[in-house]
Amino acid sequence: MTKCIGCGAILQDKDVSLEGYTKNLDNDLCERCFNIKHYNKYLKVQNKDYSQIIKDIDSKGDLILLVTDFLNLYGLDELKLKSPVILVLTKSDLLPRSINKEHLLGNIKLDVLAKVMVCSKNNYHFDELYDLIMKYKKSKNVYVIGYTNAGKSTLVNKFLKNYGSFEGMVTVSNLPSTTLDLIENKVNDELTLIDTPGLLDNGSMILSVSSLMLKKITPKKEIRPISYQIKGFQSLLIEDFMRIDMENTNIICYMSNDLDYRRVYFKRECNLSKHEINILKNQDLVIKGLGFITFKKNSKVTLWLLDNVSYLIRDSII
């Protein structure tokens, strides 16, 4: 059986509705990856439970690269990995310049061998990460895991280009579930990076919006934090999928600057799901898959979200 080199799905020419479909089994890419690569056209596939894949990987005891970005620093301890782990924060170019990178890494409470921040666009800290991998790997195989849209495939392709003999071909997209199965990528004689399907984080905003809106949600350049001083009653509306009602507080939003932010000064009806929340000073309100809001005062707020989107509260990481 031959796998698509882009997503890892087994190639088949029988059913166009199933993953791995191609008109010609001699092709390297399935139809879906071909359309993503050449036309940015996305075909959604049925969601799988990838938790068993992670359990199987963890049972091998090989080094794992746990990949995420600073907007999605939550739930990583829930994976309960027993294997040696290096935490990799991707997309460092999106980090606001006002944020101290070392301070941010120090605020991440996770039991790992090392924490490193990288950027595939400018090779930031890739040599450092490569040295850490060669230091801690248990065999030639190193697994790359993380939630969907974390930048795993981009990371693997950059490693193939920097330290291998050819440029990577793993399909890259900001759309969920691009990688569908394990993809072995031989970097050199001493290292094989194994790309894995992105974990589908139930409650993530990226699973509840259109592909067009997903492009707005996903930052493409440095995030400029947006600060609001709330006097009296005000509501902050973000597109049509989120509203937060507040009184007399100060907040800082860390989300894509391509989104539409609006303030209104009167109470209004809303058809979103309602959540009453108490937030302490210097805590973050995290909207899964979207970003977070830091509160500078103790606050009682009403949060309105799409039905399937979840939130959490944590101590500020900034």
Protein backbone atom coordinates (compact mmCIF):
# COMPACT_ATOMS: atom_id res chain seq x y z
CA MET A 1 0.00 0.00 0.00
CA THR A 2 1.28 3.45 -0.96
CA LYS A 3 0.68 6.52 1.18
CA CYS A 4 0.12 10.08 0.04
CA ILE A 5 3.35 11.94 0.77
CA GLY A 6 1.33 15.01 1.70
CA CYS A 7 -1.10 13.76 4.37
CA GLY A 8 -0.15 10.13 4.97
CA ALA A 9 -3.47 8.65 3.84
CA ILE A 10 -3.33 5.33 1.97
CA LEU A 11 -3.88 6.06 -1.72
CA GLN A 12 -6.99 4.53 -3.30
CA ASP A 13 -8.87 5.07 -6.56
CA LYS A 14 -12.23 3.50 -5.66
CA ASP A 15 -14.20 6.05 -3.63
CA VAL A 16 -13.85 9.81 -4.14
CA SER A 17 -15.60 10.48 -0.81
CA LEU A 18 -12.94 8.68 1.25
CA GLU A 19 -9.51 9.91 2.29
CA GLY A 20 -6.59 9.05 0.01
CA TYR A 21 -8.58 9.19 -3.22
CA THR A 22 -6.59 9.71 -6.41
CA LYS A 23 -7.45 9.16 -10.05
CA ASN A 24 -4.09 7.50 -10.63
CA LEU A 25 -2.34 5.29 -8.05
CA ASP A 26 1.02 6.33 -9.52
CA ASN A 27 0.47 9.85 -8.13
CA ASP A 28 2.42 10.96 -5.06
CA LEU A 29 -0.42 13.14 -3.74
CA CYS A 30 -4.05 12.32 -3.11
CA GLU A 31 -6.68 14.51 -4.78
CA ARG A 32 -7.27 16.41 -1.54
CA CYS A 33 -3.61 17.32 -1.00
CA PHE A 34 -3.22 18.25 -4.67
CA ASN A 35 -6.13 20.70 -4.38
CA ILE A 36 -4.82 22.17 -1.12
CA LYS A 37 -1.31 22.62 -2.53
CA HIS A 38 -2.19 24.03 -5.96
CA TYR A 39 -5.60 25.67 -5.50
CA ASN A 40 -5.89 26.21 -1.71
CA LYS A 41 -9.13 24.23 -2.06
CA TYR A 42 -10.03 22.29 1.06
CA LEU A 43 -12.07 19.09 1.23
CA LYS A 44 -13.19 18.27 4.75
CA VAL A 45 -12.88 14.67 5.86
CA GLN A 46 -14.69 12.86 8.61
CA ASN A 47 -13.15 13.58 12.00
CA LYS A 48 -11.29 10.68 13.60
CA ASP A 49 -10.30 9.95 17.16
CA TYR A 50 -6.53 10.28 17.06
CA SER A 51 -6.06 9.66 20.79
CA GLN A 52 -5.14 6.00 20.19
CA ILE A 53 -2.41 7.07 17.75
CA ILE A 54 -0.88 9.23 20.50
CA LYS A 55 -1.10 6.34 23.00
CA ASP A 56 0.67 4.04 20.55
CA ILE A 57 3.39 6.63 19.97
CA ASP A 58 3.84 7.22 23.71
CA SER A 59 4.25 3.49 24.34
CA LYS A 60 7.39 3.41 22.15
CA GLY A 61 9.36 5.66 24.51
CA ASP A 62 10.91 7.70 21.67
CA LEU A 63 11.47 11.45 21.90
CA ILE A 64 8.37 13.53 21.21
CA LEU A 65 8.24 17.12 19.96
CA LEU A 66 5.08 18.64 21.44
CA VAL A 67 4.21 21.52 19.12
CA THR A 68 1.95 24.50 19.81
CA ASP A 69 1.97 28.32 19.60
CA PHE A 70 1.53 31.01 22.23
CA LEU A 71 -2.15 31.58 21.43
CA ASN A 72 -2.94 27.93 22.16
CA LEU A 73 -1.00 27.18 25.34
CA TYR A 74 -3.54 25.06 27.15
CA GLY A 75 -4.49 21.44 27.70
CA LEU A 76 -1.00 20.10 26.96
CA ASP A 77 -0.72 18.35 30.33
CA GLU A 78 -3.98 16.50 29.55
CA LEU A 79 -2.06 14.38 27.03
CA LYS A 80 -0.30 12.72 30.01
CA LEU A 81 2.76 11.78 27.96
CA LYS A 82 5.24 9.43 29.62
CA SER A 83 7.86 9.62 26.89
CA PRO A 84 10.63 12.27 26.89
CA VAL A 85 9.22 15.53 25.52
CA ILE A 86 10.58 18.78 24.10
CA LEU A 87 8.00 21.58 24.01
CA VAL A 88 8.24 23.56 20.76
CA LEU A 89 6.49 26.92 20.45
CA THR A 90 6.10 27.70 16.76
CA LYS A 91 5.31 30.97 14.97
CA SER A 92 7.49 33.14 17.22
CA ASP A 93 7.17 35.88 14.60
CA LEU A 94 3.54 36.33 15.70
CA LEU A 95 4.56 37.11 19.26
CA PRO A 96 4.14 40.79 20.19
CA ARG A 97 7.52 42.49 20.59
CA SER A 98 6.48 43.69 24.03
CA ILE A 99 6.49 40.09 25.30
CA ASN A 100 9.72 38.72 26.73
CA LYS A 101 10.21 35.29 25.15
CA GLU A 102 12.18 33.81 28.04
CA HIS A 103 9.63 35.08 30.55
CA LEU A 104 6.85 33.46 28.54
CA LEU A 105 8.66 30.12 28.35
CA GLY A 106 9.30 30.27 32.09
CA ASN A 107 5.59 30.72 32.78
CA ILE A 108 4.71 27.46 31.01
CA LYS A 109 4.35 24.90 33.79
CA LEU A 110 4.96 21.63 32.01
CA ASP A 111 7.32 18.78 32.91
CA VAL A 112 9.48 18.53 29.79
CA LEU A 113 13.16 18.10 28.92
CA ALA A 114 13.38 21.52 27.29
CA LYS A 115 11.28 24.39 25.94
CA VAL A 116 12.24 26.21 22.78
CA MET A 117 10.57 28.86 20.63
CA VAL A 118 11.07 28.70 16.87
CA CYS A 119 9.98 30.36 13.65
CA SER A 120 9.96 28.45 10.37
CA LYS A 121 9.92 31.64 8.29
CA ASN A 122 13.31 32.90 9.45
CA ASN A 123 14.92 29.74 10.93
CA TYR A 124 14.76 31.25 14.41
CA HIS A 125 16.31 28.79 16.93
CA PHE A 126 16.17 25.81 14.54
CA ASP A 127 19.82 24.92 15.16
CA GLU A 128 19.14 25.00 18.90
CA LEU A 129 16.15 22.70 18.46
CA TYR A 130 18.14 20.35 16.21
CA ASP A 131 20.91 20.12 18.84
CA LEU A 132 18.33 19.37 21.56
CA ILE A 133 16.80 16.63 19.43
CA MET A 134 20.16 15.01 18.77
CA LYS A 135 20.96 15.22 22.50
CA TYR A 136 17.75 13.66 23.80
CA LYS A 137 16.51 11.31 21.06
CA LYS A 138 16.29 7.63 22.01
CA SER A 139 16.46 6.29 18.45
CA LYS A 140 16.44 7.69 14.93
CA ASN A 141 12.67 8.19 15.20
CA VAL A 142 11.31 11.41 16.70
CA TYR A 143 7.55 12.02 16.72
CA VAL A 144 5.97 15.43 16.10
CA ILE A 145 2.57 15.84 17.77
CA GLY A 146 0.22 18.69 18.69
CA TYR A 147 -3.25 20.05 18.18
CA THR A 148 -4.44 20.76 14.66
CA ASN A 149 -3.10 23.97 13.09
CA ALA A 150 -0.09 24.04 15.44
CA GLY A 151 2.47 24.22 12.62
CA LYS A 152 3.78 20.64 12.82
CA SER A 153 4.02 19.99 9.08
CA THR A 154 5.69 23.35 8.45
CA LEU A 155 8.22 22.48 11.14
CA VAL A 156 8.95 19.09 9.55
CA ASN A 157 9.36 20.61 6.08
CA LYS A 158 11.82 23.17 7.42
CA PHE A 159 13.89 20.41 9.04
CA LEU A 160 13.98 18.50 5.77
CA LYS A 161 15.16 21.61 3.96
CA ASN A 162 17.73 22.66 6.58
CA TYR A 163 19.24 19.34 7.58
CA GLY A 164 18.19 16.89 4.86
CA SER A 165 19.08 16.34 1.24
CA PHE A 166 15.80 17.61 -0.22
CA GLU A 167 12.97 20.00 0.52
CA GLY A 168 9.94 18.61 2.33
CA MET A 169 6.67 17.74 0.66
CA VAL A 170 4.33 17.39 3.65
CA THR A 171 1.08 19.22 2.84
CA VAL A 172 0.77 22.48 4.79
CA SER A 173 -2.52 24.28 5.42
CA ASN A 174 -4.13 26.34 8.18
CA LEU A 175 -7.21 24.15 7.84
CA PRO A 176 -7.89 21.38 10.39
CA SER A 177 -7.08 17.70 9.79
CA THR A 178 -4.66 18.28 6.90
CA THR A 179 -2.39 15.42 7.98
CA LEU A 180 -4.42 12.19 8.21
CA ASP A 181 -1.90 9.51 9.19
CA LEU A 182 1.72 9.06 10.26
CA ILE A 183 4.25 10.34 7.73
CA GLU A 184 7.89 9.26 8.10
CA ASN A 185 10.33 11.92 6.92
CA LYS A 186 13.99 10.90 6.81
CA VAL A 187 15.99 14.03 7.55
CA ASN A 188 19.37 12.29 7.42
CA ASP A 189 20.95 8.99 8.44
CA GLU A 190 20.61 9.88 12.12
CA LEU A 191 17.13 11.40 12.26
CA THR A 192 13.63 10.59 11.00
CA LEU A 193 10.84 12.98 11.96
CA ILE A 194 7.41 11.37 12.02
CA ASP A 195 4.60 13.84 11.39
CA THR A 196 1.27 12.93 12.99
CA PRO A 197 -2.37 13.94 12.52
CA GLY A 198 -3.30 17.08 14.42
CA LEU A 199 -5.26 16.37 17.57
CA LEU A 200 -8.80 17.69 17.24
CA ASP A 201 -9.40 19.86 20.30
CA ASN A 202 -13.10 19.58 21.07
CA GLY A 203 -14.41 23.06 21.75
CA SER A 204 -11.90 24.81 19.49
CA MET A 205 -13.16 27.77 17.47
CA ILE A 206 -11.40 26.49 14.36
CA LEU A 207 -13.76 23.51 14.19
CA SER A 208 -16.87 25.72 14.28
CA VAL A 209 -16.22 28.42 11.67
CA SER A 210 -16.02 28.53 7.88
CA SER A 211 -12.72 28.22 6.02
CA LEU A 212 -13.01 31.91 5.11
CA MET A 213 -13.35 32.93 8.76
CA LEU A 214 -10.55 30.55 9.73
CA LYS A 215 -8.20 32.62 7.58
CA LYS A 216 -9.10 35.71 9.64
CA ILE A 217 -8.73 33.84 12.93
CA THR A 218 -5.26 32.59 12.01
CA PRO A 219 -2.70 35.43 12.42
CA LYS A 220 -0.24 35.94 9.57
CA LYS A 221 1.96 38.61 11.14
CA GLU A 222 2.97 39.99 14.53
CA ILE A 223 -0.03 40.36 16.82
CA ARG A 224 -0.64 43.85 18.14
CA PRO A 225 -2.30 43.55 21.56
CA ILE A 226 -5.52 45.59 21.76
CA SER A 227 -6.19 47.28 25.10
CA TYR A 228 -9.57 48.49 26.32
CA GLN A 229 -10.38 50.59 29.38
CA ILE A 230 -13.98 49.75 30.21
CA LYS A 231 -15.86 52.47 32.08
CA GLY A 232 -19.42 51.70 33.05
CA PHE A 233 -21.13 48.97 31.04
CA GLN A 234 -19.69 47.99 27.65
CA SER A 235 -19.76 45.00 25.33
CA LEU A 236 -16.93 43.89 23.09
CA LEU A 237 -18.09 42.09 19.94
CA ILE A 238 -15.67 39.99 17.91
CA GLU A 239 -17.09 39.15 14.48
CA ASP A 240 -20.44 37.40 14.96
CA PHE A 241 -19.15 34.51 17.07
CA MET A 242 -18.21 36.14 20.39
CA ARG A 243 -19.41 38.87 22.74
CA ILE A 244 -18.25 39.80 26.21
CA ASP A 245 -20.22 42.10 28.55
CA MET A 246 -18.15 43.96 31.17
CA GLU A 247 -18.20 46.82 33.65
CA ASN A 248 -15.34 48.98 34.94
CA THR A 249 -12.36 46.86 34.02
CA ASN A 250 -9.23 46.88 31.85
CA ILE A 251 -8.44 44.15 29.34
CA ILE A 252 -5.81 43.28 26.71
CA CYS A 253 -6.77 41.12 23.73
CA TYR A 254 -4.25 38.74 22.15
CA MET A 255 -5.93 37.58 18.95
CA SER A 256 -5.62 38.06 15.22
CA ASN A 257 -5.74 41.71 14.20
CA ASP A 258 -7.66 40.75 11.05
CA LEU A 259 -10.79 40.19 13.11
CA ASP A 260 -13.55 42.77 13.42
CA TYR A 261 -13.63 44.24 16.97
CA ARG A 262 -16.55 46.47 17.96
CA ARG A 263 -17.56 48.16 21.20
CA VAL A 264 -21.19 48.86 22.08
CA TYR A 265 -22.46 50.75 25.10
CA PHE A 266 -25.90 49.27 25.63
CA LYS A 267 -27.32 45.86 26.46
CA ARG A 268 -28.69 43.91 23.53
CA GLU A 269 -30.14 40.50 22.76
CA CYS A 270 -27.76 37.75 21.67
CA ASN A 271 -28.35 34.32 20.13
CA LEU A 272 -25.05 32.85 21.35
CA SER A 273 -24.50 30.58 24.37
CA LYS A 274 -24.25 32.50 27.65
CA HIS A 275 -21.56 32.02 30.32
CA GLU A 276 -21.33 33.98 33.61
CA ILE A 277 -17.69 34.20 34.69
CA ASN A 278 -15.68 35.63 37.58
CA ILE A 279 -12.08 36.49 36.63
CA LEU A 280 -9.34 37.65 38.95
CA LYS A 281 -6.74 40.31 38.30
CA ASN A 282 -3.94 39.09 36.01
CA GLN A 283 -5.84 36.06 34.76
CA ASP A 284 -6.43 35.09 31.12
CA LEU A 285 -9.76 34.22 29.58
CA VAL A 286 -8.77 31.71 26.87
CA ILE A 287 -11.12 31.05 23.97
CA LYS A 288 -10.01 27.74 22.48
CA GLY A 289 -8.62 28.12 18.98
CA LEU A 290 -8.97 31.91 18.99
CA GLY A 291 -6.64 33.50 21.54
CA PHE A 292 -6.97 35.04 24.98
CA ILE A 293 -7.90 38.17 26.92
CA THR A 294 -5.88 39.29 29.95
CA PHE A 295 -7.83 41.04 32.72
CA LYS A 296 -6.04 43.69 34.77
CA LYS A 297 -8.76 43.91 37.44
CA ASN A 298 -11.04 41.49 39.26
CA SER A 299 -14.06 41.27 36.99
CA LYS A 300 -17.46 39.68 36.61
CA VAL A 301 -18.32 39.25 32.95
CA THR A 302 -20.89 37.62 30.71
CA LEU A 303 -19.35 35.70 27.82
CA TRP A 304 -21.34 34.75 24.72
CA LEU A 305 -19.94 32.08 22.38
CA LEU A 306 -20.96 29.68 19.65
CA ASP A 307 -22.55 26.53 21.08
CA ASN A 308 -19.61 24.20 20.44
CA VAL A 309 -16.83 26.59 21.50
CA SER A 310 -15.20 26.28 24.94
CA TYR A 311 -13.21 28.61 27.19
CA LEU A 312 -10.97 28.31 30.23
CA ILE A 313 -9.38 30.59 32.82
CA ARG A 314 -5.69 30.47 33.77
CA ASP A 315 -3.07 32.65 35.46
CA SER A 316 -1.65 35.09 32.94
CA ILE A 317 1.29 33.77 30.90
CA ILE A 318 2.44 37.24 29.82
